[in-house]
Amino acid sequence: MFNLEPTLQGKYEALQKIFGHMGSVVVAFSGGVDSTLVLKVGFDTLGDQVKAVTAVSPTFPALEVEEVKRLSTAIGAPLQLVETDQLQIESFVKNDATRCFHCKTDLYRLLSNLRDAVGFHTIVDGTNVNDLGEDRPGITAARQLGVRSPLVEAGLSKTDIRELAKGLGLANWNKPAAACLSSRIARGLPITKAYLSRVEQAEAFLSAQGLAQVRVRLHGDLARIEIDPTQMSILTKEPERSRLVEKFKKLGFQTVTLDLEGYRAGGGNLSSTND
């Protein structure tokens, strides 16, 4: 058993007890460190009364699909991939401030059907206490559909989660924060498969350059790149800068910009303009 400082040890034990009281759970599994910790502790506590479910859609990067497979296999938990398509939901496609609400409502209704089909008791997600202070319409959708957040119930912060995930040997304990591809498209622009594909390919290109945290914010034909400020020189020196511009223009961007403020959570919540 690994050693934890007493406060975190108490939270860990509380998390185990929460799962024990649930009895059986379906985990909304994205492959991020939060939901991976939920899956790990849930599976360690409940065994075959835990099922991981990942919704595969145009908003979920293909690389992440392979990641959830690797992680669930390492944990030993059963994984079910289900297909969904938020692009069929008009209220999602319009991309206003309620976009995440409609996306999560679609997801949790799907998971509710799966939960009922296997006779399990509860759906759980990876929301943590730090998420509660942010604009998260998806949390509202979760609560309306009875989804529980065991990390919140146990009082776990993002820092706690990474420390606990590291102690439990989870390979992605220090994985950068992730979000669905639709979050890259400026509010007010309709979400399309073409836009999602453009962003996915652009971010894959940047990640291949060794960048740890990457966002390509799409404002029509303009790309606004957010990365860690300490890594900006990787993109501004030659020949990397020229290769980047060439690649992005091939993808359909007419203008390529580097946001000097760097990566920040929620950086996509900027309105689209015609300027």
C-alpha atoms as a PDB file:
ATOM      1  CA  MET A   1       0.000   0.000   0.000  1.00  0.00           C
ATOM      2  CA  PHE A   2       1.323   3.441  -0.894  1.00  0.00           C
ATOM      3  CA  ASN A   3       1.624   6.185   1.695  1.00  0.00           C
ATOM      4  CA  LEU A   4      -0.685   9.218   1.638  1.00  0.00           C
ATOM      5  CA  GLU A   5      -0.769  12.191   3.949  1.00  0.00           C
ATOM      6  CA  PRO A   6      -3.619  11.779   6.479  1.00  0.00           C
ATOM      7  CA  THR A   7      -6.120  14.187   4.871  1.00  0.00           C
ATOM      8  CA  LEU A   8      -5.821  12.584   1.441  1.00  0.00           C
ATOM      9  CA  GLN A   9      -5.880   9.110   3.005  1.00  0.00           C
ATOM     10  CA  GLY A  10      -9.198  10.040   4.592  1.00  0.00           C
ATOM     11  CA  LYS A  11     -10.604  11.205   1.262  1.00  0.00           C
ATOM     12  CA  TYR A  12      -9.434   8.003  -0.425  1.00  0.00           C
ATOM     13  CA  GLU A  13     -11.150   5.876   2.200  1.00  0.00           C
ATOM     14  CA  ALA A  14     -14.290   7.997   1.866  1.00  0.00           C
ATOM     15  CA  LEU A  15     -14.254   7.414  -1.901  1.00  0.00           C
ATOM     16  CA  GLN A  16     -14.036   3.655  -1.380  1.00  0.00           C
ATOM     17  CA  LYS A  17     -16.969   3.764   1.034  1.00  0.00           C
ATOM     18  CA  ILE A  18     -19.044   5.797  -1.426  1.00  0.00           C
ATOM     19  CA  PHE A  19     -18.568   3.123  -4.081  1.00  0.00           C
ATOM     20  CA  GLY A  20     -19.289   0.400  -1.574  1.00  0.00           C
ATOM     21  CA  HIS A  21     -22.651   1.980  -0.786  1.00  0.00           C
ATOM     22  CA  MET A  22     -23.507   2.365  -4.489  1.00  0.00           C
ATOM     23  CA  GLY A  23     -23.187  -1.366  -5.114  1.00  0.00           C
ATOM     24  CA  SER A  24     -22.928  -1.203  -8.911  1.00  0.00           C
ATOM     25  CA  VAL A  25     -21.957   1.619 -11.246  1.00  0.00           C
ATOM     26  CA  VAL A  26     -21.641   2.654 -14.860  1.00  0.00           C
ATOM     27  CA  VAL A  27     -18.678   5.007 -15.262  1.00  0.00           C
ATOM     28  CA  ALA A  28     -18.837   7.760 -17.878  1.00  0.00           C
ATOM     29  CA  PHE A  29     -15.264   7.161 -18.988  1.00  0.00           C
ATOM     30  CA  SER A  30     -13.440   9.777 -21.068  1.00  0.00           C
ATOM     31  CA  GLY A  31      -9.859   8.657 -20.469  1.00  0.00           C
ATOM     32  CA  GLY A  32      -8.948  11.774 -18.490  1.00  0.00           C
ATOM     33  CA  VAL A  33      -7.272  11.400 -15.117  1.00  0.00           C
ATOM     34  CA  ASP A  34     -10.495  12.188 -13.220  1.00  0.00           C
ATOM     35  CA  SER A  35     -12.687   9.507 -14.770  1.00  0.00           C
ATOM     36  CA  THR A  36      -9.745   7.078 -14.781  1.00  0.00           C
ATOM     37  CA  LEU A  37      -9.410   7.451 -11.013  1.00  0.00           C
ATOM     38  CA  VAL A  38     -13.159   6.922 -10.663  1.00  0.00           C
ATOM     39  CA  LEU A  39     -12.914   3.749 -12.734  1.00  0.00           C
ATOM     40  CA  LYS A  40      -9.859   2.462 -10.853  1.00  0.00           C
ATOM     41  CA  VAL A  41     -11.236   2.954  -7.346  1.00  0.00           C
ATOM     42  CA  GLY A  42     -14.687   1.816  -8.402  1.00  0.00           C
ATOM     43  CA  PHE A  43     -13.313  -1.373  -9.950  1.00  0.00           C
ATOM     44  CA  ASP A  44     -10.992  -2.064  -7.016  1.00  0.00           C
ATOM     45  CA  THR A  45     -13.984  -1.719  -4.692  1.00  0.00           C
ATOM     46  CA  LEU A  46     -16.784  -3.373  -6.660  1.00  0.00           C
ATOM     47  CA  GLY A  47     -15.092  -5.616  -9.228  1.00  0.00           C
ATOM     48  CA  ASP A  48     -17.455  -6.852 -11.930  1.00  0.00           C
ATOM     49  CA  GLN A  49     -20.190  -4.548 -10.665  1.00  0.00           C
ATOM     50  CA  VAL A  50     -18.413  -1.740 -12.537  1.00  0.00           C
ATOM     51  CA  LYS A  51     -18.667  -1.053 -16.255  1.00  0.00           C
ATOM     52  CA  ALA A  52     -16.838   1.716 -18.134  1.00  0.00           C
ATOM     53  CA  VAL A  53     -18.706   3.263 -21.037  1.00  0.00           C
ATOM     54  CA  THR A  54     -17.169   5.638 -23.560  1.00  0.00           C
ATOM     55  CA  ALA A  55     -19.331   7.472 -26.067  1.00  0.00           C
ATOM     56  CA  VAL A  56     -17.594   7.678 -29.443  1.00  0.00           C
ATOM     57  CA  SER A  57     -18.730  10.613 -31.541  1.00  0.00           C
ATOM     58  CA  PRO A  58     -17.386  13.228 -33.981  1.00  0.00           C
ATOM     59  CA  THR A  59     -16.493  15.393 -30.969  1.00  0.00           C
ATOM     60  CA  PHE A  60     -14.227  12.728 -29.413  1.00  0.00           C
ATOM     61  CA  PRO A  61     -10.686  12.540 -30.856  1.00  0.00           C
ATOM     62  CA  ALA A  62      -9.740   9.212 -32.417  1.00  0.00           C
ATOM     63  CA  LEU A  63      -6.518   9.131 -30.374  1.00  0.00           C
ATOM     64  CA  GLU A  64      -8.575   9.246 -27.191  1.00  0.00           C
ATOM     65  CA  VAL A  65     -10.516   6.149 -28.240  1.00  0.00           C
ATOM     66  CA  GLU A  66      -7.287   4.160 -28.237  1.00  0.00           C
ATOM     67  CA  GLU A  67      -6.353   5.718 -24.895  1.00  0.00           C
ATOM     68  CA  VAL A  68      -9.556   4.586 -23.148  1.00  0.00           C
ATOM     69  CA  LYS A  69      -8.967   1.061 -24.432  1.00  0.00           C
ATOM     70  CA  ARG A  70      -5.432   1.001 -23.025  1.00  0.00           C
ATOM     71  CA  LEU A  71      -6.451   2.439 -19.674  1.00  0.00           C
ATOM     72  CA  SER A  72      -9.445   0.156 -19.110  1.00  0.00           C
ATOM     73  CA  THR A  73      -7.322  -2.863 -20.030  1.00  0.00           C
ATOM     74  CA  ALA A  74      -4.598  -1.807 -17.572  1.00  0.00           C
ATOM     75  CA  ILE A  75      -7.190  -1.442 -14.801  1.00  0.00           C
ATOM     76  CA  GLY A  76      -8.920  -4.686 -15.783  1.00  0.00           C
ATOM     77  CA  ALA A  77     -12.354  -3.109 -16.003  1.00  0.00           C
ATOM     78  CA  PRO A  78     -14.795  -3.982 -18.799  1.00  0.00           C
ATOM     79  CA  LEU A  79     -15.234  -1.226 -21.383  1.00  0.00           C
ATOM     80  CA  GLN A  80     -18.128  -0.674 -23.734  1.00  0.00           C
ATOM     81  CA  LEU A  81     -17.835   1.761 -26.649  1.00  0.00           C
ATOM     82  CA  VAL A  82     -21.116   3.220 -27.814  1.00  0.00           C
ATOM     83  CA  GLU A  83     -21.684   5.487 -30.768  1.00  0.00           C
ATOM     84  CA  THR A  84     -23.561   8.741 -30.588  1.00  0.00           C
ATOM     85  CA  ASP A  85     -23.698  11.849 -32.753  1.00  0.00           C
ATOM     86  CA  GLN A  86     -24.403  15.219 -31.195  1.00  0.00           C
ATOM     87  CA  LEU A  87     -24.352  16.748 -34.685  1.00  0.00           C
ATOM     88  CA  GLN A  88     -27.884  15.431 -35.020  1.00  0.00           C
ATOM     89  CA  ILE A  89     -28.984  17.667 -32.130  1.00  0.00           C
ATOM     90  CA  GLU A  90     -29.904  21.103 -33.443  1.00  0.00           C
ATOM     91  CA  SER A  91     -29.579  22.797 -30.045  1.00  0.00           C
ATOM     92  CA  PHE A  92     -26.017  21.442 -29.769  1.00  0.00           C
ATOM     93  CA  VAL A  93     -24.973  22.403 -33.282  1.00  0.00           C
ATOM     94  CA  LYS A  94     -26.007  26.037 -32.813  1.00  0.00           C
ATOM     95  CA  ASN A  95     -23.143  26.277 -30.287  1.00  0.00           C
ATOM     96  CA  ASP A  96     -24.413  28.750 -27.738  1.00  0.00           C
ATOM     97  CA  ALA A  97     -23.735  28.834 -24.000  1.00  0.00           C
ATOM     98  CA  THR A  98     -25.963  25.770 -23.434  1.00  0.00           C
ATOM     99  CA  ARG A  99     -24.014  23.510 -25.819  1.00  0.00           C
ATOM    100  CA  CYS A 100     -22.539  21.325 -23.069  1.00  0.00           C
ATOM    101  CA  PHE A 101     -25.928  20.888 -21.438  1.00  0.00           C
ATOM    102  CA  HIS A 102     -27.362  19.351 -24.601  1.00  0.00           C
ATOM    103  CA  CYS A 103     -24.265  17.207 -25.164  1.00  0.00           C
ATOM    104  CA  LYS A 104     -24.273  15.788 -21.631  1.00  0.00           C
ATOM    105  CA  THR A 105     -28.034  15.278 -21.663  1.00  0.00           C
ATOM    106  CA  ASP A 106     -27.600  13.126 -24.773  1.00  0.00           C
ATOM    107  CA  LEU A 107     -24.729  11.208 -23.135  1.00  0.00           C
ATOM    108  CA  TYR A 108     -26.416  10.541 -19.807  1.00  0.00           C
ATOM    109  CA  ARG A 109     -29.688   9.456 -21.396  1.00  0.00           C
ATOM    110  CA  LEU A 110     -27.679   6.949 -23.393  1.00  0.00           C
ATOM    111  CA  LEU A 111     -25.885   5.755 -20.260  1.00  0.00           C
ATOM    112  CA  SER A 112     -29.188   5.525 -18.383  1.00  0.00           C
ATOM    113  CA  ASN A 113     -30.455   3.082 -20.994  1.00  0.00           C
ATOM    114  CA  LEU A 114     -27.273   1.023 -20.713  1.00  0.00           C
ATOM    115  CA  ARG A 115     -27.419   1.062 -16.918  1.00  0.00           C
ATOM    116  CA  ASP A 116     -30.988  -0.226 -16.979  1.00  0.00           C
ATOM    117  CA  ALA A 117     -30.105  -2.878 -19.557  1.00  0.00           C
ATOM    118  CA  VAL A 118     -27.389  -4.400 -17.333  1.00  0.00           C
ATOM    119  CA  GLY A 119     -29.320  -3.886 -14.098  1.00  0.00           C
ATOM    120  CA  PHE A 120     -26.774  -1.595 -12.470  1.00  0.00           C
ATOM    121  CA  HIS A 121     -27.686   1.022  -9.898  1.00  0.00           C
ATOM    122  CA  THR A 122     -25.829   4.308 -10.507  1.00  0.00           C
ATOM    123  CA  ILE A 123     -24.121   6.368 -13.222  1.00  0.00           C
ATOM    124  CA  VAL A 124     -20.990   8.217 -12.064  1.00  0.00           C
ATOM    125  CA  ASP A 125     -18.787  10.846 -13.686  1.00  0.00           C
ATOM    126  CA  GLY A 126     -15.366  12.401 -13.041  1.00  0.00           C
ATOM    127  CA  THR A 127     -16.434  15.833 -11.825  1.00  0.00           C
ATOM    128  CA  ASN A 128     -14.206  17.089  -8.982  1.00  0.00           C
ATOM    129  CA  VAL A 129     -14.554  19.932  -6.491  1.00  0.00           C
ATOM    130  CA  ASN A 130     -12.560  22.372  -8.644  1.00  0.00           C
ATOM    131  CA  ASP A 131     -15.127  21.997 -11.425  1.00  0.00           C
ATOM    132  CA  LEU A 132     -17.922  23.320  -9.236  1.00  0.00           C
ATOM    133  CA  GLY A 133     -16.710  26.918  -9.400  1.00  0.00           C
ATOM    134  CA  GLU A 134     -16.748  27.007 -13.215  1.00  0.00           C
ATOM    135  CA  ASP A 135     -19.462  27.544 -15.793  1.00  0.00           C
ATOM    136  CA  ARG A 136     -20.407  23.906 -16.331  1.00  0.00           C
ATOM    137  CA  PRO A 137     -23.852  23.400 -17.919  1.00  0.00           C
ATOM    138  CA  GLY A 138     -22.903  19.736 -18.236  1.00  0.00           C
ATOM    139  CA  ILE A 139     -23.006  19.388 -14.453  1.00  0.00           C
ATOM    140  CA  THR A 140     -26.576  20.676 -14.488  1.00  0.00           C
ATOM    141  CA  ALA A 141     -27.492  17.989 -17.021  1.00  0.00           C
ATOM    142  CA  ALA A 142     -25.827  15.334 -14.864  1.00  0.00           C
ATOM    143  CA  ARG A 143     -27.734  16.351 -11.760  1.00  0.00           C
ATOM    144  CA  GLN A 144     -31.064  16.446 -13.602  1.00  0.00           C
ATOM    145  CA  LEU A 145     -30.531  12.854 -14.734  1.00  0.00           C
ATOM    146  CA  GLY A 146     -29.336  11.527 -11.386  1.00  0.00           C
ATOM    147  CA  VAL A 147     -25.651  11.159 -12.234  1.00  0.00           C
ATOM    148  CA  ARG A 148     -23.409  11.157  -9.168  1.00  0.00           C
ATOM    149  CA  SER A 149     -19.904  12.593  -8.801  1.00  0.00           C
ATOM    150  CA  PRO A 150     -18.028  10.474  -6.228  1.00  0.00           C
ATOM    151  CA  LEU A 151     -14.904  12.650  -6.422  1.00  0.00           C
ATOM    152  CA  VAL A 152     -16.978  15.638  -5.309  1.00  0.00           C
ATOM    153  CA  GLU A 153     -18.694  13.607  -2.611  1.00  0.00           C
ATOM    154  CA  ALA A 154     -15.288  12.581  -1.237  1.00  0.00           C
ATOM    155  CA  GLY A 155     -14.001  16.185  -1.405  1.00  0.00           C
ATOM    156  CA  LEU A 156     -11.234  15.496  -3.925  1.00  0.00           C
ATOM    157  CA  SER A 157      -9.575  18.407  -5.728  1.00  0.00           C
ATOM    158  CA  LYS A 158      -7.613  18.179  -8.969  1.00  0.00           C
ATOM    159  CA  THR A 159      -4.353  18.181  -6.994  1.00  0.00           C
ATOM    160  CA  ASP A 160      -5.660  15.379  -4.770  1.00  0.00           C
ATOM    161  CA  ILE A 161      -6.708  13.385  -7.823  1.00  0.00           C
ATOM    162  CA  ARG A 162      -3.314  13.567  -9.494  1.00  0.00           C
ATOM    163  CA  GLU A 163      -1.514  12.597  -6.289  1.00  0.00           C
ATOM    164  CA  LEU A 164      -3.859   9.690  -5.677  1.00  0.00           C
ATOM    165  CA  ALA A 165      -3.723   8.572  -9.313  1.00  0.00           C
ATOM    166  CA  LYS A 166       0.080   8.595  -9.172  1.00  0.00           C
ATOM    167  CA  GLY A 167       0.067   6.546  -5.991  1.00  0.00           C
ATOM    168  CA  LEU A 168      -2.287   4.013  -7.583  1.00  0.00           C
ATOM    169  CA  GLY A 169       0.027   3.691 -10.572  1.00  0.00           C
ATOM    170  CA  LEU A 170      -2.294   5.152 -13.195  1.00  0.00           C
ATOM    171  CA  ALA A 171      -0.344   5.833 -16.386  1.00  0.00           C
ATOM    172  CA  ASN A 172      -2.178   9.083 -17.097  1.00  0.00           C
ATOM    173  CA  TRP A 173      -1.818  10.633 -13.620  1.00  0.00           C
ATOM    174  CA  ASN A 174      -0.161  13.747 -15.105  1.00  0.00           C
ATOM    175  CA  LYS A 175      -2.105  13.871 -18.376  1.00  0.00           C
ATOM    176  CA  PRO A 176      -2.993  17.448 -19.396  1.00  0.00           C
ATOM    177  CA  ALA A 177      -6.603  18.522 -19.122  1.00  0.00           C
ATOM    178  CA  ALA A 178      -8.745  17.566 -22.097  1.00  0.00           C
ATOM    179  CA  ALA A 179     -12.130  18.567 -23.468  1.00  0.00           C
ATOM    180  CA  CYS A 180     -14.287  17.578 -26.409  1.00  0.00           C
ATOM    181  CA  LEU A 181     -13.389  19.008 -29.802  1.00  0.00           C
ATOM    182  CA  SER A 182     -16.525  21.166 -29.932  1.00  0.00           C
ATOM    183  CA  SER A 183     -15.065  23.332 -27.154  1.00  0.00           C
ATOM    184  CA  ARG A 184     -12.493  24.624 -29.662  1.00  0.00           C
ATOM    185  CA  ILE A 185     -15.112  26.193 -31.931  1.00  0.00           C
ATOM    186  CA  ALA A 186     -15.941  29.789 -31.018  1.00  0.00           C
ATOM    187  CA  ARG A 187     -19.435  30.250 -29.683  1.00  0.00           C
ATOM    188  CA  GLY A 188     -21.884  31.344 -32.314  1.00  0.00           C
ATOM    189  CA  LEU A 189     -20.243  29.324 -35.088  1.00  0.00           C
ATOM    190  CA  PRO A 190     -22.202  26.178 -35.931  1.00  0.00           C
ATOM    191  CA  ILE A 191     -20.458  22.934 -35.051  1.00  0.00           C
ATOM    192  CA  THR A 192     -19.812  20.870 -38.173  1.00  0.00           C
ATOM    193  CA  LYS A 193     -17.944  17.649 -38.878  1.00  0.00           C
ATOM    194  CA  ALA A 194     -15.560  19.602 -41.121  1.00  0.00           C
ATOM    195  CA  TYR A 195     -14.682  22.052 -38.339  1.00  0.00           C
ATOM    196  CA  LEU A 196     -14.185  19.228 -35.828  1.00  0.00           C
ATOM    197  CA  SER A 197     -11.928  17.334 -38.214  1.00  0.00           C
ATOM    198  CA  ARG A 198      -9.879  20.450 -38.930  1.00  0.00           C
ATOM    199  CA  VAL A 199      -9.276  21.050 -35.236  1.00  0.00           C
ATOM    200  CA  GLU A 200      -8.486  17.394 -34.530  1.00  0.00           C
ATOM    201  CA  GLN A 201      -5.871  17.227 -37.302  1.00  0.00           C
ATOM    202  CA  ALA A 202      -4.345  20.564 -36.292  1.00  0.00           C
ATOM    203  CA  GLU A 203      -3.977  19.535 -32.652  1.00  0.00           C
ATOM    204  CA  ALA A 204      -2.556  16.136 -33.606  1.00  0.00           C
ATOM    205  CA  PHE A 205       0.086  17.937 -35.691  1.00  0.00           C
ATOM    206  CA  LEU A 206       1.041  20.185 -32.772  1.00  0.00           C
ATOM    207  CA  SER A 207       1.111  17.337 -30.268  1.00  0.00           C
ATOM    208  CA  ALA A 208       3.533  15.505 -32.557  1.00  0.00           C
ATOM    209  CA  GLN A 209       5.925  18.443 -32.093  1.00  0.00           C
ATOM    210  CA  GLY A 210       6.264  17.549 -28.419  1.00  0.00           C
ATOM    211  CA  LEU A 211       3.875  20.151 -26.997  1.00  0.00           C
ATOM    212  CA  ALA A 212       2.363  19.115 -23.684  1.00  0.00           C
ATOM    213  CA  GLN A 213      -0.874  21.120 -23.649  1.00  0.00           C
ATOM    214  CA  VAL A 214      -2.487  22.111 -26.937  1.00  0.00           C
ATOM    215  CA  ARG A 215      -5.671  23.874 -28.015  1.00  0.00           C
ATOM    216  CA  VAL A 216      -6.464  25.066 -31.505  1.00  0.00           C
ATOM    217  CA  ARG A 217      -9.355  27.509 -31.168  1.00  0.00           C
ATOM    218  CA  LEU A 218     -11.283  27.845 -34.398  1.00  0.00           C
ATOM    219  CA  HIS A 219     -12.720  31.236 -35.335  1.00  0.00           C
ATOM    220  CA  GLY A 220     -13.951  30.527 -38.830  1.00  0.00           C
ATOM    221  CA  ASP A 221     -10.889  30.426 -41.063  1.00  0.00           C
ATOM    222  CA  LEU A 222      -8.657  31.744 -38.280  1.00  0.00           C
ATOM    223  CA  ALA A 223      -6.745  29.389 -35.976  1.00  0.00           C
ATOM    224  CA  ARG A 224      -5.822  30.653 -32.498  1.00  0.00           C
ATOM    225  CA  ILE A 225      -3.220  28.362 -30.953  1.00  0.00           C
ATOM    226  CA  GLU A 226      -3.004  28.072 -27.175  1.00  0.00           C
ATOM    227  CA  ILE A 227       0.014  26.287 -25.665  1.00  0.00           C
ATOM    228  CA  ASP A 228       2.189  26.577 -22.585  1.00  0.00           C
ATOM    229  CA  PRO A 229       4.032  29.935 -22.868  1.00  0.00           C
ATOM    230  CA  THR A 230       7.322  28.220 -22.036  1.00  0.00           C
ATOM    231  CA  GLN A 231       7.018  26.160 -25.232  1.00  0.00           C
ATOM    232  CA  MET A 232       6.131  28.948 -27.653  1.00  0.00           C
ATOM    233  CA  SER A 233       9.649  29.121 -29.057  1.00  0.00           C
ATOM    234  CA  ILE A 234       9.128  25.622 -30.463  1.00  0.00           C
ATOM    235  CA  LEU A 235       6.601  27.045 -32.918  1.00  0.00           C
ATOM    236  CA  THR A 236       8.189  30.403 -33.678  1.00  0.00           C
ATOM    237  CA  LYS A 237      11.633  29.255 -34.773  1.00  0.00           C
ATOM    238  CA  GLU A 238      12.394  28.079 -38.303  1.00  0.00           C
ATOM    239  CA  PRO A 239      11.748  25.750 -40.005  1.00  0.00           C
ATOM    240  CA  GLU A 240       8.987  24.746 -37.541  1.00  0.00           C
ATOM    241  CA  ARG A 241       7.067  28.018 -37.993  1.00  0.00           C
ATOM    242  CA  SER A 242       6.908  27.639 -41.779  1.00  0.00           C
ATOM    243  CA  ARG A 243       5.885  23.986 -41.532  1.00  0.00           C
ATOM    244  CA  LEU A 244       3.129  24.900 -39.099  1.00  0.00           C
ATOM    245  CA  VAL A 245       1.708  27.607 -41.356  1.00  0.00           C
ATOM    246  CA  GLU A 246       1.868  25.309 -44.373  1.00  0.00           C
ATOM    247  CA  LYS A 247       0.100  22.483 -42.543  1.00  0.00           C
ATOM    248  CA  PHE A 248      -2.668  24.681 -41.137  1.00  0.00           C
ATOM    249  CA  LYS A 249      -3.354  26.283 -44.501  1.00  0.00           C
ATOM    250  CA  LYS A 250      -3.655  22.852 -46.071  1.00  0.00           C
ATOM    251  CA  LEU A 251      -6.242  22.062 -43.428  1.00  0.00           C
ATOM    252  CA  GLY A 252      -8.275  25.099 -44.487  1.00  0.00           C
ATOM    253  CA  PHE A 253      -7.164  27.860 -42.136  1.00  0.00           C
ATOM    254  CA  GLN A 254      -6.432  31.171 -43.844  1.00  0.00           C
ATOM    255  CA  THR A 255      -4.872  32.857 -40.801  1.00  0.00           C
ATOM    256  CA  VAL A 256      -2.725  31.193 -38.121  1.00  0.00           C
ATOM    257  CA  THR A 257      -2.145  32.970 -34.807  1.00  0.00           C
ATOM    258  CA  LEU A 258      -0.335  32.134 -31.553  1.00  0.00           C
ATOM    259  CA  ASP A 259      -2.171  33.375 -28.463  1.00  0.00           C
ATOM    260  CA  LEU A 260       0.511  35.010 -26.303  1.00  0.00           C
ATOM    261  CA  GLU A 261      -1.579  34.522 -23.178  1.00  0.00           C
ATOM    262  CA  GLY A 262      -1.049  30.791 -23.610  1.00  0.00           C
ATOM    263  CA  TYR A 263      -3.288  27.862 -22.756  1.00  0.00           C
ATOM    264  CA  ARG A 264      -6.109  28.492 -20.304  1.00  0.00           C
ATOM    265  CA  ALA A 265      -9.139  26.454 -19.382  1.00  0.00           C
ATOM    266  CA  GLY A 266     -12.269  27.900 -20.949  1.00  0.00           C
ATOM    267  CA  GLY A 267     -10.308  29.751 -23.616  1.00  0.00           C
ATOM    268  CA  GLY A 268     -12.840  28.682 -26.195  1.00  0.00           C
ATOM    269  CA  ASN A 269     -15.650  30.614 -24.547  1.00  0.00           C
ATOM    270  CA  LEU A 270     -15.066  33.637 -26.714  1.00  0.00           C
ATOM    271  CA  SER A 271     -17.676  34.890 -29.122  1.00  0.00           C
ATOM    272  CA  SER A 272     -17.110  34.645 -32.807  1.00  0.00           C
ATOM    273  CA  THR A 273     -16.786  38.005 -34.528  1.00  0.00           C
ATOM    274  CA  ASN A 274     -16.679  39.227 -38.071  1.00  0.00           C
ATOM    275  CA  ASP A 275     -13.718  41.534 -37.441  1.00  0.00           C
END
